[in-house]
Amino acid sequence: MSSLSLWSPRSHYRQTRKGKILQSTSELYLRDDLGMGYTIPSQTSAKRNNVSIQISGSAQKINDVQDLISLLVPTYCSSSREEKIRLVVVDTNVLLHNLDVLEHPSCAISNIVIPQTALLECRHRSFSAYNRTMDLLRSSVAKDSDGTGSSNKRCVIFFPDCHHIATQLPPSQEKKTVNDDNDARIRQVAMFFGESLVGSGVEVTLLTDDKNCRALALKDQRLSQENEEEDETTKLLFMSNTVREHISILEKENGDLSLSDFVAQFSSASGEEVERMQYYPAHLPLQELSLGVKSGKFYQGYVRAVTGQYDKCYVTVKQGEERVAVNIIGLSDMNRSVDGDLVAIELHPVSQWLGANEKEEENTHKSS
């Protein structure tokens, strides 16, 4: 990334309604002195009546890897009886849906990196989640007012990837959509920390519920490895897990943890349609319904419920000068209609008319 310029202007043209061509230019200034990110330390100061409050200080820069390792909080693994240091880079969907896990008082996820891209996207989509994330940033590296005492159990780092020269995407790797571009930037942050912490004993994990993002993270690492050996998993710079997978790993290492109930039931599949089971047939378009009513194929009327039976109703329709009540039996034929709805119905074949009462009697005999 050292070949990139610290000043990169980008221009694009657009045409107005009157036919004029306008040129829009945006300038991005990159920096090579941002280090490994920033922390917002808070200090505990005592007030009267023994009431303590937290006071946030100014942002402190993490100069190099040694400063970063000195700030990271190790966690004790009861299964292997040793301490491990994990650094988690969070995606936007984690900030939006799983802040309860990050904020948990147990501090199971003790070392968190919040990229600027994820923070800006979180602010754009949910301002309440953004405020909670800012409170999470202020909760790290707390010390007593006299400068002594133990540090906090959590270390939260803000990483300005939008202006950091080491995490910029080359023009050839820029994505077509904004969402894909943001995901690529967050993966680049995880790659940066993975390359910086090689051989230090710190495990770097990209935490995301996006299936495509996890697959692309693995693909990017494979492409960056020129000489692959048989044991490829040991050469990964960082792991990519869902929140539930990461929590299950922590619970296996520490039996006292119980965080599975705090994980949100959320999955993101960007670019893919999620298959859902359809329980009812789709409603017809309004134009097709109007043509069917005029041609006599459909009959129009109001739904009237039958007392004590949730799966049966009737619709009174006109047949010439007479009014006929048409029974509708079964949730599938009711198709989500409720009492008082104006609906259009299509009659079943005559063979099903004659057998409706008989089938209903058989069902009542079977249930009794």
Protein backbone atom coordinates (compact mmCIF):
# COMPACT_ATOMS: atom_id res chain seq x y z
CA MET A 1 0.00 0.00 0.00
CA SER A 2 2.99 2.33 0.18
CA SER A 3 2.64 3.08 -3.55
CA LEU A 4 -0.67 4.83 -2.99
CA SER A 5 -0.64 8.61 -2.98
CA LEU A 6 -1.71 10.48 0.15
CA TRP A 7 -3.99 12.65 -2.00
CA SER A 8 -6.42 10.98 -4.35
CA PRO A 9 -9.02 13.08 -6.20
CA ARG A 10 -11.96 11.32 -7.81
CA SER A 11 -14.15 12.84 -10.49
CA HIS A 12 -17.33 11.77 -12.21
CA TYR A 13 -19.67 13.45 -14.67
CA ARG A 14 -23.44 13.69 -14.67
CA GLN A 15 -26.00 15.21 -16.99
CA THR A 16 -28.71 17.57 -15.76
CA ARG A 17 -32.30 17.70 -17.02
CA LYS A 18 -31.43 20.62 -19.26
CA GLY A 19 -28.63 18.64 -20.90
CA LYS A 20 -25.69 20.32 -19.20
CA ILE A 21 -22.68 18.23 -18.13
CA LEU A 22 -21.47 18.76 -14.57
CA GLN A 23 -18.22 17.47 -13.12
CA SER A 24 -18.18 16.42 -9.44
CA THR A 25 -14.79 16.04 -7.77
CA SER A 26 -14.17 14.56 -4.32
CA GLU A 27 -10.77 14.66 -2.66
CA LEU A 28 -9.63 12.02 -0.17
CA TYR A 29 -6.62 12.77 1.98
CA LEU A 30 -4.83 9.69 3.31
CA ARG A 31 -2.47 9.57 6.28
CA ASP A 32 0.40 7.30 7.23
CA ASP A 33 0.70 8.45 10.86
CA LEU A 34 -2.51 6.98 12.32
CA GLY A 35 -0.76 3.99 13.86
CA MET A 36 -2.92 1.10 15.08
CA GLY A 37 -5.97 3.15 15.97
CA TYR A 38 -7.19 5.16 18.93
CA THR A 39 -8.72 4.53 22.34
CA ILE A 40 -10.91 6.88 24.37
CA PRO A 41 -9.81 6.26 27.96
CA SER A 42 -12.07 7.05 30.90
CA GLN A 43 -11.11 7.70 34.48
CA THR A 44 -12.98 6.89 37.68
CA SER A 45 -13.25 9.88 39.99
CA ALA A 46 -14.98 9.86 43.38
CA LYS A 47 -17.63 12.38 44.35
CA ARG A 48 -19.32 13.10 47.61
CA ASN A 49 -21.43 10.45 49.32
CA ASN A 50 -19.14 7.78 47.83
CA VAL A 51 -20.67 8.08 44.35
CA SER A 52 -18.18 7.39 41.53
CA ILE A 53 -18.59 8.55 37.96
CA GLN A 54 -16.76 7.93 34.69
CA ILE A 55 -15.08 10.88 32.94
CA SER A 56 -13.99 10.42 29.33
CA GLY A 57 -10.59 11.73 28.34
CA SER A 58 -9.12 12.68 25.00
CA ALA A 59 -8.38 10.07 22.35
CA GLN A 60 -5.02 8.37 22.70
CA LYS A 61 -3.13 7.06 19.71
CA ILE A 62 -1.74 3.51 19.58
CA ASN A 63 1.64 4.06 17.97
CA ASP A 64 2.81 0.54 17.16
CA VAL A 65 2.23 -3.15 17.78
CA GLN A 66 3.94 -3.09 21.17
CA ASP A 67 1.56 -0.40 22.41
CA LEU A 68 -1.36 -2.41 21.08
CA ILE A 69 -0.30 -5.64 22.82
CA SER A 70 0.19 -3.78 26.10
CA LEU A 71 -3.43 -2.57 25.96
CA LEU A 72 -5.06 -5.88 25.01
CA VAL A 73 -6.85 -7.74 27.79
CA PRO A 74 -6.14 -11.50 28.04
CA THR A 75 -8.91 -13.97 28.86
CA TYR A 76 -8.43 -17.11 30.92
CA CYS A 77 -9.26 -20.43 29.25
CA SER A 78 -10.35 -22.93 31.90
CA SER A 79 -10.15 -25.92 29.52
CA SER A 80 -6.48 -25.42 28.61
CA ARG A 81 -5.63 -23.49 31.83
CA GLU A 82 -3.87 -20.70 30.01
CA GLU A 83 -4.51 -17.11 28.98
CA LYS A 84 -5.42 -16.20 25.42
CA ILE A 85 -5.54 -12.84 23.71
CA ARG A 86 -8.16 -12.37 21.01
CA LEU A 87 -8.74 -9.26 18.94
CA VAL A 88 -12.16 -9.00 17.29
CA VAL A 89 -12.89 -6.76 14.29
CA VAL A 90 -16.65 -6.17 14.14
CA ASP A 91 -18.81 -5.72 11.07
CA THR A 92 -21.76 -3.32 10.79
CA ASN A 93 -24.38 -6.05 11.32
CA VAL A 94 -22.78 -6.90 14.67
CA LEU A 95 -23.14 -3.29 15.83
CA LEU A 96 -26.74 -3.20 14.68
CA HIS A 97 -27.98 -6.51 16.07
CA ASN A 98 -25.57 -7.88 18.69
CA LEU A 99 -24.57 -4.95 20.85
CA ASP A 100 -25.95 -6.82 23.87
CA VAL A 101 -23.17 -9.36 23.47
CA LEU A 102 -20.46 -6.71 23.15
CA GLU A 103 -21.79 -4.74 26.14
CA HIS A 104 -22.24 -7.75 28.43
CA PRO A 105 -20.78 -7.15 31.91
CA SER A 106 -18.78 -10.39 31.72
CA CYS A 107 -16.56 -8.76 29.03
CA ALA A 108 -16.28 -12.11 27.25
CA ILE A 109 -15.28 -10.24 24.10
CA SER A 110 -12.62 -8.13 25.75
CA ASN A 111 -10.71 -6.68 22.77
CA ILE A 112 -12.82 -5.01 20.07
CA VAL A 113 -11.82 -3.04 16.97
CA ILE A 114 -14.52 -0.79 15.51
CA PRO A 115 -13.63 0.39 11.98
CA GLN A 116 -14.71 3.85 10.94
CA THR A 117 -16.61 2.38 8.00
CA ALA A 118 -18.74 0.22 10.29
CA LEU A 119 -19.33 3.13 12.68
CA LEU A 120 -20.50 5.48 9.91
CA GLU A 121 -22.77 2.84 8.42
CA CYS A 122 -24.21 2.13 11.89
CA ARG A 123 -24.94 5.84 12.39
CA HIS A 124 -26.67 5.98 9.00
CA ARG A 125 -28.96 3.02 9.77
CA SER A 126 -29.62 3.31 13.51
CA PHE A 127 -28.77 6.35 15.60
CA SER A 128 -29.60 4.56 18.87
CA ALA A 129 -27.14 1.76 18.05
CA TYR A 130 -24.57 4.43 17.15
CA ASN A 131 -24.94 6.09 20.57
CA ARG A 132 -24.53 2.73 22.31
CA THR A 133 -21.43 2.05 20.22
CA MET A 134 -19.93 5.40 21.24
CA ASP A 135 -20.61 4.54 24.89
CA LEU A 136 -18.85 1.23 24.28
CA LEU A 137 -15.83 3.09 22.91
CA ARG A 138 -15.68 5.25 26.04
CA SER A 139 -15.81 2.22 28.34
CA SER A 140 -12.29 0.99 27.55
CA VAL A 141 -9.01 1.41 29.44
CA ALA A 142 -10.49 2.99 32.56
CA LYS A 143 -8.16 3.81 35.43
CA ASP A 144 -8.48 5.48 38.78
CA SER A 145 -8.23 9.24 39.11
CA ASP A 146 -4.80 9.01 40.74
CA GLY A 147 -3.43 7.02 37.80
CA THR A 148 -3.12 3.79 39.78
CA GLY A 149 -5.30 0.74 39.96
CA SER A 150 -6.08 -2.01 37.54
CA SER A 151 -7.22 -1.28 34.03
CA ASN A 152 -10.66 -2.09 32.72
CA LYS A 153 -11.65 -5.56 31.56
CA ARG A 154 -12.40 -4.34 28.06
CA CYS A 155 -10.31 -2.62 25.40
CA VAL A 156 -12.24 -1.00 22.54
CA ILE A 157 -10.25 0.52 19.68
CA PHE A 158 -11.45 2.93 17.02
CA PHE A 159 -9.64 2.44 13.72
CA PRO A 160 -9.90 5.24 11.07
CA ASP A 161 -9.76 2.97 8.03
CA CYS A 162 -11.26 5.63 5.73
CA HIS A 163 -8.10 7.75 6.01
CA HIS A 164 -5.49 5.11 6.86
CA ILE A 165 -3.20 4.47 3.89
CA ALA A 166 -2.60 0.83 4.86
CA THR A 167 -6.27 -0.14 4.56
CA GLN A 168 -7.16 1.51 1.26
CA LEU A 169 -8.50 -0.54 -1.62
CA PRO A 170 -6.70 -0.28 -4.96
CA PRO A 171 -8.86 1.09 -7.80
CA SER A 172 -8.91 -2.38 -9.37
CA GLN A 173 -10.54 -3.88 -6.26
CA GLU A 174 -13.26 -1.26 -5.75
CA LYS A 175 -16.73 -2.78 -5.77
CA LYS A 176 -19.77 -1.74 -7.74
CA THR A 177 -22.11 -1.18 -4.78
CA VAL A 178 -21.55 0.79 -1.59
CA ASN A 179 -22.35 -2.22 0.60
CA ASP A 180 -19.77 -4.43 -1.13
CA ASP A 181 -17.20 -1.66 -0.90
CA ASN A 182 -17.80 -1.23 2.84
CA ASP A 183 -17.50 -4.98 3.42
CA ALA A 184 -14.21 -5.03 1.51
CA ARG A 185 -12.87 -2.17 3.62
CA ILE A 186 -13.75 -3.96 6.87
CA ARG A 187 -12.06 -7.13 5.60
CA GLN A 188 -9.02 -5.00 4.78
CA VAL A 189 -8.93 -3.82 8.42
CA ALA A 190 -8.92 -7.43 9.62
CA MET A 191 -6.14 -8.21 7.16
CA PHE A 192 -4.12 -5.24 8.42
CA PHE A 193 -4.32 -6.36 12.06
CA GLY A 194 -3.66 -9.98 11.07
CA GLU A 195 -0.47 -9.05 9.22
CA SER A 196 0.68 -6.72 12.01
CA LEU A 197 0.18 -9.29 14.79
CA VAL A 198 1.79 -12.29 13.08
CA GLY A 199 3.92 -14.21 15.59
CA SER A 200 2.66 -12.21 18.59
CA GLY A 201 0.27 -14.89 19.84
CA VAL A 202 -2.80 -12.68 19.32
CA GLU A 203 -5.72 -14.31 17.48
CA VAL A 204 -7.49 -11.91 15.11
CA THR A 205 -11.12 -12.66 14.27
CA LEU A 206 -13.49 -10.93 11.87
CA LEU A 207 -16.93 -11.02 13.46
CA THR A 208 -19.72 -10.85 10.87
CA ASP A 209 -23.06 -12.53 10.21
CA ASP A 210 -22.73 -11.96 6.47
CA LYS A 211 -22.13 -15.32 4.80
CA ASN A 212 -20.68 -13.81 1.61
CA CYS A 213 -18.32 -11.58 3.59
CA ARG A 214 -16.92 -14.57 5.47
CA ALA A 215 -16.43 -16.50 2.22
CA LEU A 216 -14.67 -13.56 0.58
CA ALA A 217 -12.44 -13.10 3.64
CA LEU A 218 -11.22 -16.66 3.28
CA LYS A 219 -10.82 -16.25 -0.48
CA ASP A 220 -8.77 -13.06 -0.10
CA GLN A 221 -6.39 -14.77 2.29
CA ARG A 222 -5.96 -17.75 -0.01
CA LEU A 223 -5.14 -15.47 -2.91
CA SER A 224 -2.57 -13.57 -0.86
CA GLN A 225 -0.73 -16.78 -0.02
CA GLU A 226 1.70 -17.58 -2.79
CA ASN A 227 3.32 -20.71 -1.32
CA GLU A 228 0.60 -22.90 0.19
CA GLU A 229 1.40 -25.96 2.24
CA GLU A 230 -0.77 -28.91 3.22
CA ASP A 231 -1.84 -27.41 6.53
CA GLU A 232 -3.47 -24.25 5.23
CA THR A 233 -5.46 -23.32 8.34
CA THR A 234 -2.31 -22.40 10.29
CA LYS A 235 -1.40 -19.80 7.67
CA LEU A 236 -4.60 -17.79 7.99
CA LEU A 237 -3.95 -14.25 9.15
CA PHE A 238 -7.39 -13.98 10.73
CA MET A 239 -10.49 -16.10 11.25
CA SER A 240 -13.99 -15.09 10.19
CA ASN A 241 -16.84 -16.30 12.41
CA THR A 242 -20.44 -15.48 13.12
CA VAL A 243 -21.36 -14.10 16.53
CA ARG A 244 -22.95 -17.41 17.56
CA GLU A 245 -19.89 -19.41 16.47
CA HIS A 246 -17.56 -17.09 18.38
CA ILE A 247 -19.71 -17.24 21.51
CA SER A 248 -19.86 -21.05 21.36
CA ILE A 249 -16.04 -21.14 21.25
CA LEU A 250 -15.84 -18.88 24.31
CA GLU A 251 -18.41 -20.96 26.20
CA LYS A 252 -16.47 -24.16 25.52
CA GLU A 253 -13.32 -22.58 26.92
CA ASN A 254 -15.06 -21.10 29.95
CA GLY A 255 -17.93 -23.08 31.44
CA ASP A 256 -19.11 -20.13 33.54
CA LEU A 257 -20.11 -18.12 30.47
CA SER A 258 -23.70 -18.22 29.23
CA LEU A 259 -24.16 -15.76 26.37
CA SER A 260 -26.02 -17.79 23.75
CA ASP A 261 -29.34 -16.28 24.80
CA PHE A 262 -28.03 -12.77 24.08
CA VAL A 263 -27.13 -13.54 20.45
CA ALA A 264 -29.68 -12.11 18.02
CA GLN A 265 -31.38 -14.45 15.56
CA PHE A 266 -30.03 -12.65 12.55
CA SER A 267 -28.35 -13.72 9.35
CA SER A 268 -27.30 -11.57 6.40
CA ALA A 269 -26.88 -12.87 2.88
CA SER A 270 -26.03 -9.80 0.84
CA GLY A 271 -26.70 -10.29 -2.84
CA GLU A 272 -28.68 -13.47 -2.29
CA GLU A 273 -32.41 -13.93 -1.86
CA VAL A 274 -33.34 -15.74 1.31
CA GLU A 275 -35.65 -18.66 0.57
CA ARG A 276 -38.82 -18.56 2.66
CA MET A 277 -41.56 -21.10 2.93
CA GLN A 278 -44.86 -19.86 1.49
CA TYR A 279 -47.83 -20.97 3.55
CA TYR A 280 -50.49 -19.18 1.48
CA PRO A 281 -50.88 -18.53 -2.25
CA ALA A 282 -50.01 -15.04 -3.45
CA HIS A 283 -52.77 -12.49 -4.02
CA LEU A 284 -53.64 -11.70 -7.62
CA PRO A 285 -52.98 -8.23 -9.09
CA LEU A 286 -55.81 -5.70 -8.91
CA GLN A 287 -56.12 -5.47 -12.69
CA GLU A 288 -56.55 -9.22 -13.04
CA LEU A 289 -59.14 -9.24 -10.26
CA SER A 290 -61.17 -6.47 -11.93
CA LEU A 291 -61.18 -8.29 -15.26
CA GLY A 292 -62.19 -11.55 -13.54
CA VAL A 293 -65.13 -9.94 -11.72
CA LYS A 294 -66.39 -8.27 -14.92
CA SER A 295 -66.11 -11.49 -16.94
CA GLY A 296 -67.90 -13.56 -14.30
CA LYS A 297 -64.92 -15.74 -13.43
CA PHE A 298 -64.68 -14.25 -9.93
CA TYR A 299 -67.42 -13.29 -7.48
CA GLN A 300 -67.11 -10.31 -5.19
CA GLY A 301 -68.41 -10.06 -1.64
CA TYR A 302 -67.63 -9.52 2.03
CA VAL A 303 -66.16 -12.20 4.27
CA ARG A 304 -68.33 -13.25 7.22
CA ALA A 305 -66.81 -15.39 9.95
CA VAL A 306 -68.50 -18.42 11.49
CA THR A 307 -68.73 -18.29 15.27
CA GLY A 308 -66.47 -20.82 16.98
CA GLN A 309 -64.67 -21.95 13.80
CA TYR A 310 -61.43 -20.20 12.82
CA ASP A 311 -61.01 -22.16 9.55
CA LYS A 312 -64.45 -21.57 8.07
CA CYS A 313 -66.27 -18.52 6.72
CA TYR A 314 -68.76 -17.60 4.00
CA VAL A 315 -69.16 -14.92 1.36
CA THR A 316 -72.56 -13.73 0.10
CA VAL A 317 -72.43 -13.17 -3.67
CA LYS A 318 -75.00 -12.14 -6.25
CA GLN A 319 -76.19 -14.68 -8.83
CA GLY A 320 -78.66 -12.90 -11.02
CA GLU A 321 -81.30 -11.38 -8.75
CA GLU A 322 -80.61 -13.85 -5.93
CA ARG A 323 -77.97 -13.82 -3.21
CA VAL A 324 -76.08 -17.01 -2.50
CA ALA A 325 -73.86 -17.75 0.51
CA VAL A 326 -70.68 -19.52 -0.56
CA ASN A 327 -68.91 -21.49 2.19
CA ILE A 328 -65.11 -21.28 2.36
CA ILE A 329 -63.53 -24.13 4.33
CA GLY A 330 -59.84 -24.33 5.18
CA LEU A 331 -57.13 -21.77 5.91
CA SER A 332 -55.62 -22.19 2.46
CA ASP A 333 -58.84 -21.17 0.70
CA MET A 334 -59.40 -18.34 3.19
CA ASN A 335 -55.95 -17.00 2.23
CA ARG A 336 -55.45 -14.67 5.22
CA SER A 337 -58.87 -13.01 4.89
CA VAL A 338 -60.68 -11.89 8.03
CA ASP A 339 -64.23 -10.87 8.86
CA GLY A 340 -65.31 -7.77 6.92
CA ASP A 341 -62.76 -7.97 4.08
CA LEU A 342 -63.95 -7.28 0.54
CA VAL A 343 -62.65 -10.23 -1.49
CA ALA A 344 -62.98 -11.84 -4.89
CA ILE A 345 -63.49 -15.62 -4.91
CA GLU A 346 -63.37 -18.32 -7.56
CA LEU A 347 -65.63 -21.36 -7.21
CA HIS A 348 -64.20 -24.87 -7.03
CA PRO A 349 -65.38 -27.56 -9.45
CA VAL A 350 -68.79 -29.11 -8.72
CA SER A 351 -67.18 -32.36 -7.57
CA GLN A 352 -65.65 -30.54 -4.64
CA TRP A 353 -68.95 -28.90 -3.74
CA LEU A 354 -70.64 -32.23 -3.19
CA GLY A 355 -67.81 -33.68 -1.09
CA ALA A 356 -67.21 -30.70 1.18
CA ASN A 357 -69.79 -31.61 3.82
CA GLU A 358 -68.86 -35.30 3.70
CA LYS A 359 -65.16 -34.53 4.25
CA GLU A 360 -66.05 -32.22 7.12
CA GLU A 361 -68.14 -34.96 8.75
CA GLU A 362 -65.29 -37.45 8.32
CA ASN A 363 -62.85 -35.06 10.00
CA THR A 364 -65.22 -34.57 12.92
CA HIS A 365 -65.63 -38.35 13.32
CA LYS A 366 -61.86 -38.84 13.24
CA SER A 367 -61.25 -36.13 15.81
CA SER A 368 -63.89 -37.55 18.13
